[in-house]
Amino acid sequence: MTPPKVSDIGPVAEASEAPPAIFARVQTMKNRPDYLRTAQGRRQGTGSFLLQGRARGDDTALVRIGFTASKKIGNAVARNRAKRRMRALAREVLPDLARPGWDYVLVAKPEATISRNYKDMLADFASALASVHKVRT
């Protein structure tokens, strides 16, 4: 088999020419104490999931996100599907609406997280973030 020929379409973009990432400081939480601290913060339930949020109080630009799907959701296949859907939501919504220095946890709801329309889930996540960020007096 012969290698494909190089075309003369134009210069190949270098890595340094790529536009900078808008929001590259999102990290996934991995430790139980982080989840427990976030659970003590603000909560907002939606039709799709429960959002927990907490300002960490440090001055970093880092946003941390965690995902939880208990056995109430179903077997391993159903739990993984619920977490995949929530991760897709986070990738789409967090760059625009997340606040630096905050931790968020998305908790799956039985039946709803897997079966709800994705556009409705996007709207739920945006409204839940706005509610969690709202200043309470």
Protein backbone atom coordinates (compact mmCIF):
# COMPACT_ATOMS: atom_id res chain seq x y z
CA MET A 1 0.00 0.00 0.00
CA THR A 2 1.33 3.42 -0.88
CA PRO A 3 0.95 6.46 1.35
CA PRO A 4 -1.47 9.17 0.24
CA LYS A 5 -0.06 12.08 -1.72
CA VAL A 6 0.32 15.47 -0.07
CA SER A 7 -2.15 17.97 -1.46
CA ASP A 8 -1.44 21.60 -2.25
CA ILE A 9 -4.56 22.93 -0.53
CA GLY A 10 -2.70 25.35 1.69
CA PRO A 11 -0.48 25.66 4.71
CA VAL A 12 -1.15 23.36 7.62
CA ALA A 13 -2.21 25.20 10.76
CA GLU A 14 0.38 25.08 13.48
CA ALA A 15 -0.67 24.39 17.06
CA SER A 16 0.29 27.93 18.05
CA GLU A 17 -2.03 29.40 15.42
CA ALA A 18 -5.10 27.73 16.92
CA PRO A 19 -7.43 30.05 18.82
CA PRO A 20 -7.00 29.88 22.59
CA ALA A 21 -9.46 27.84 24.57
CA ILE A 22 -12.19 30.01 26.04
CA PHE A 23 -12.53 28.09 29.27
CA ALA A 24 -9.79 25.53 29.72
CA ARG A 25 -9.81 25.43 33.52
CA VAL A 26 -12.53 22.84 34.20
CA GLN A 27 -11.50 19.88 36.32
CA THR A 28 -13.40 16.78 37.40
CA MET A 29 -13.67 16.15 41.12
CA LYS A 30 -12.35 12.79 42.21
CA ASN A 31 -12.30 12.86 46.03
CA ARG A 32 -15.25 12.13 48.32
CA PRO A 33 -14.54 15.08 50.68
CA ASP A 34 -14.92 17.47 47.73
CA TYR A 35 -18.35 16.00 46.95
CA LEU A 36 -19.39 16.23 50.60
CA ARG A 37 -18.34 19.90 50.87
CA THR A 38 -20.26 20.71 47.69
CA ALA A 39 -23.34 18.92 49.05
CA GLN A 40 -23.35 21.39 51.96
CA GLY A 41 -23.63 24.31 49.53
CA ARG A 42 -26.58 25.50 47.47
CA ARG A 43 -28.95 23.11 45.70
CA GLN A 44 -31.35 23.42 42.83
CA GLY A 45 -33.56 20.58 41.66
CA THR A 46 -34.73 20.32 38.08
CA GLY A 47 -36.80 17.83 36.15
CA SER A 48 -33.62 16.15 34.95
CA PHE A 49 -31.17 16.18 37.86
CA LEU A 50 -30.14 17.92 41.07
CA LEU A 51 -27.43 20.58 40.88
CA GLN A 52 -25.29 21.28 43.93
CA GLY A 53 -22.97 24.28 43.88
CA ARG A 54 -20.55 25.92 46.27
CA ALA A 55 -18.07 28.77 46.08
CA ARG A 56 -14.72 27.46 47.31
CA GLY A 57 -13.48 30.84 48.46
CA ASP A 58 -10.07 30.60 46.84
CA ASP A 59 -8.83 32.94 44.13
CA THR A 60 -8.19 30.37 41.44
CA ALA A 61 -9.87 30.42 38.05
CA LEU A 62 -10.49 26.69 38.34
CA VAL A 63 -14.02 25.28 38.09
CA ARG A 64 -14.54 21.76 39.38
CA ILE A 65 -17.43 19.49 38.41
CA GLY A 66 -18.55 16.10 39.70
CA PHE A 67 -21.17 13.62 38.58
CA THR A 68 -23.16 11.17 40.72
CA ALA A 69 -25.50 8.39 39.66
CA SER A 70 -26.54 6.03 42.45
CA LYS A 71 -27.92 2.52 42.06
CA LYS A 72 -31.42 4.04 42.16
CA ILE A 73 -30.78 5.02 38.53
CA GLY A 74 -30.48 1.39 37.47
CA ASN A 75 -27.77 -1.04 36.46
CA ALA A 76 -24.24 -0.03 35.42
CA VAL A 77 -25.32 0.61 31.83
CA ALA A 78 -28.03 3.05 32.92
CA ARG A 79 -25.75 4.81 35.43
CA ASN A 80 -23.02 5.25 32.84
CA ARG A 81 -25.50 6.59 30.30
CA ALA A 82 -26.80 9.12 32.83
CA LYS A 83 -23.24 10.26 33.61
CA ARG A 84 -22.38 10.54 29.90
CA ARG A 85 -25.40 12.77 29.34
CA MET A 86 -24.50 14.95 32.32
CA ARG A 87 -20.88 15.25 31.13
CA ALA A 88 -22.14 16.37 27.71
CA LEU A 89 -24.30 19.01 29.42
CA ALA A 90 -21.34 20.25 31.41
CA ARG A 91 -19.13 20.53 28.32
CA GLU A 92 -21.78 22.55 26.56
CA VAL A 93 -23.03 24.86 29.32
CA LEU A 94 -20.17 25.41 31.78
CA PRO A 95 -17.89 27.45 29.48
CA ASP A 96 -20.53 30.18 29.28
CA LEU A 97 -22.25 30.08 32.68
CA ALA A 98 -19.85 28.66 35.29
CA ARG A 99 -18.12 30.93 37.76
CA PRO A 100 -14.42 30.58 38.52
CA GLY A 101 -13.74 29.30 42.02
CA TRP A 102 -16.92 27.22 42.21
CA ASP A 103 -17.55 23.49 42.62
CA TYR A 104 -20.58 21.85 41.02
CA VAL A 105 -22.05 18.35 41.36
CA LEU A 106 -24.75 16.96 39.09
CA VAL A 107 -26.81 14.21 40.72
CA ALA A 108 -28.83 12.00 38.37
CA LYS A 109 -32.54 11.38 38.98
CA PRO A 110 -34.12 7.97 38.33
CA GLU A 111 -35.74 7.73 34.90
CA ALA A 112 -35.52 11.46 34.20
CA THR A 113 -31.80 11.87 33.48
CA ILE A 114 -31.80 9.08 30.91
CA SER A 115 -35.14 9.68 29.21
CA ARG A 116 -35.55 13.46 29.23
CA ASN A 117 -35.10 15.42 26.01
CA TYR A 118 -31.56 16.82 25.75
CA LYS A 119 -32.71 20.35 24.88
CA ASP A 120 -34.87 20.39 28.00
CA MET A 121 -31.87 19.24 30.02
CA LEU A 122 -29.80 22.12 28.62
CA ALA A 123 -32.48 24.60 29.66
CA ASP A 124 -32.72 22.94 33.11
CA PHE A 125 -28.97 23.20 33.62
CA ALA A 126 -28.82 26.87 32.60
CA SER A 127 -31.70 27.81 34.91
CA ALA A 128 -30.28 25.74 37.78
CA LEU A 129 -26.89 27.48 37.46
CA ALA A 130 -28.60 30.88 37.50
CA SER A 131 -30.53 29.90 40.63
CA VAL A 132 -27.44 28.57 42.44
CA HIS A 133 -25.51 31.76 41.61
CA LYS A 134 -28.34 34.05 42.73
CA VAL A 135 -27.42 36.20 45.72
CA ARG A 136 -29.55 35.20 48.69
CA THR A 137 -30.44 37.75 51.32
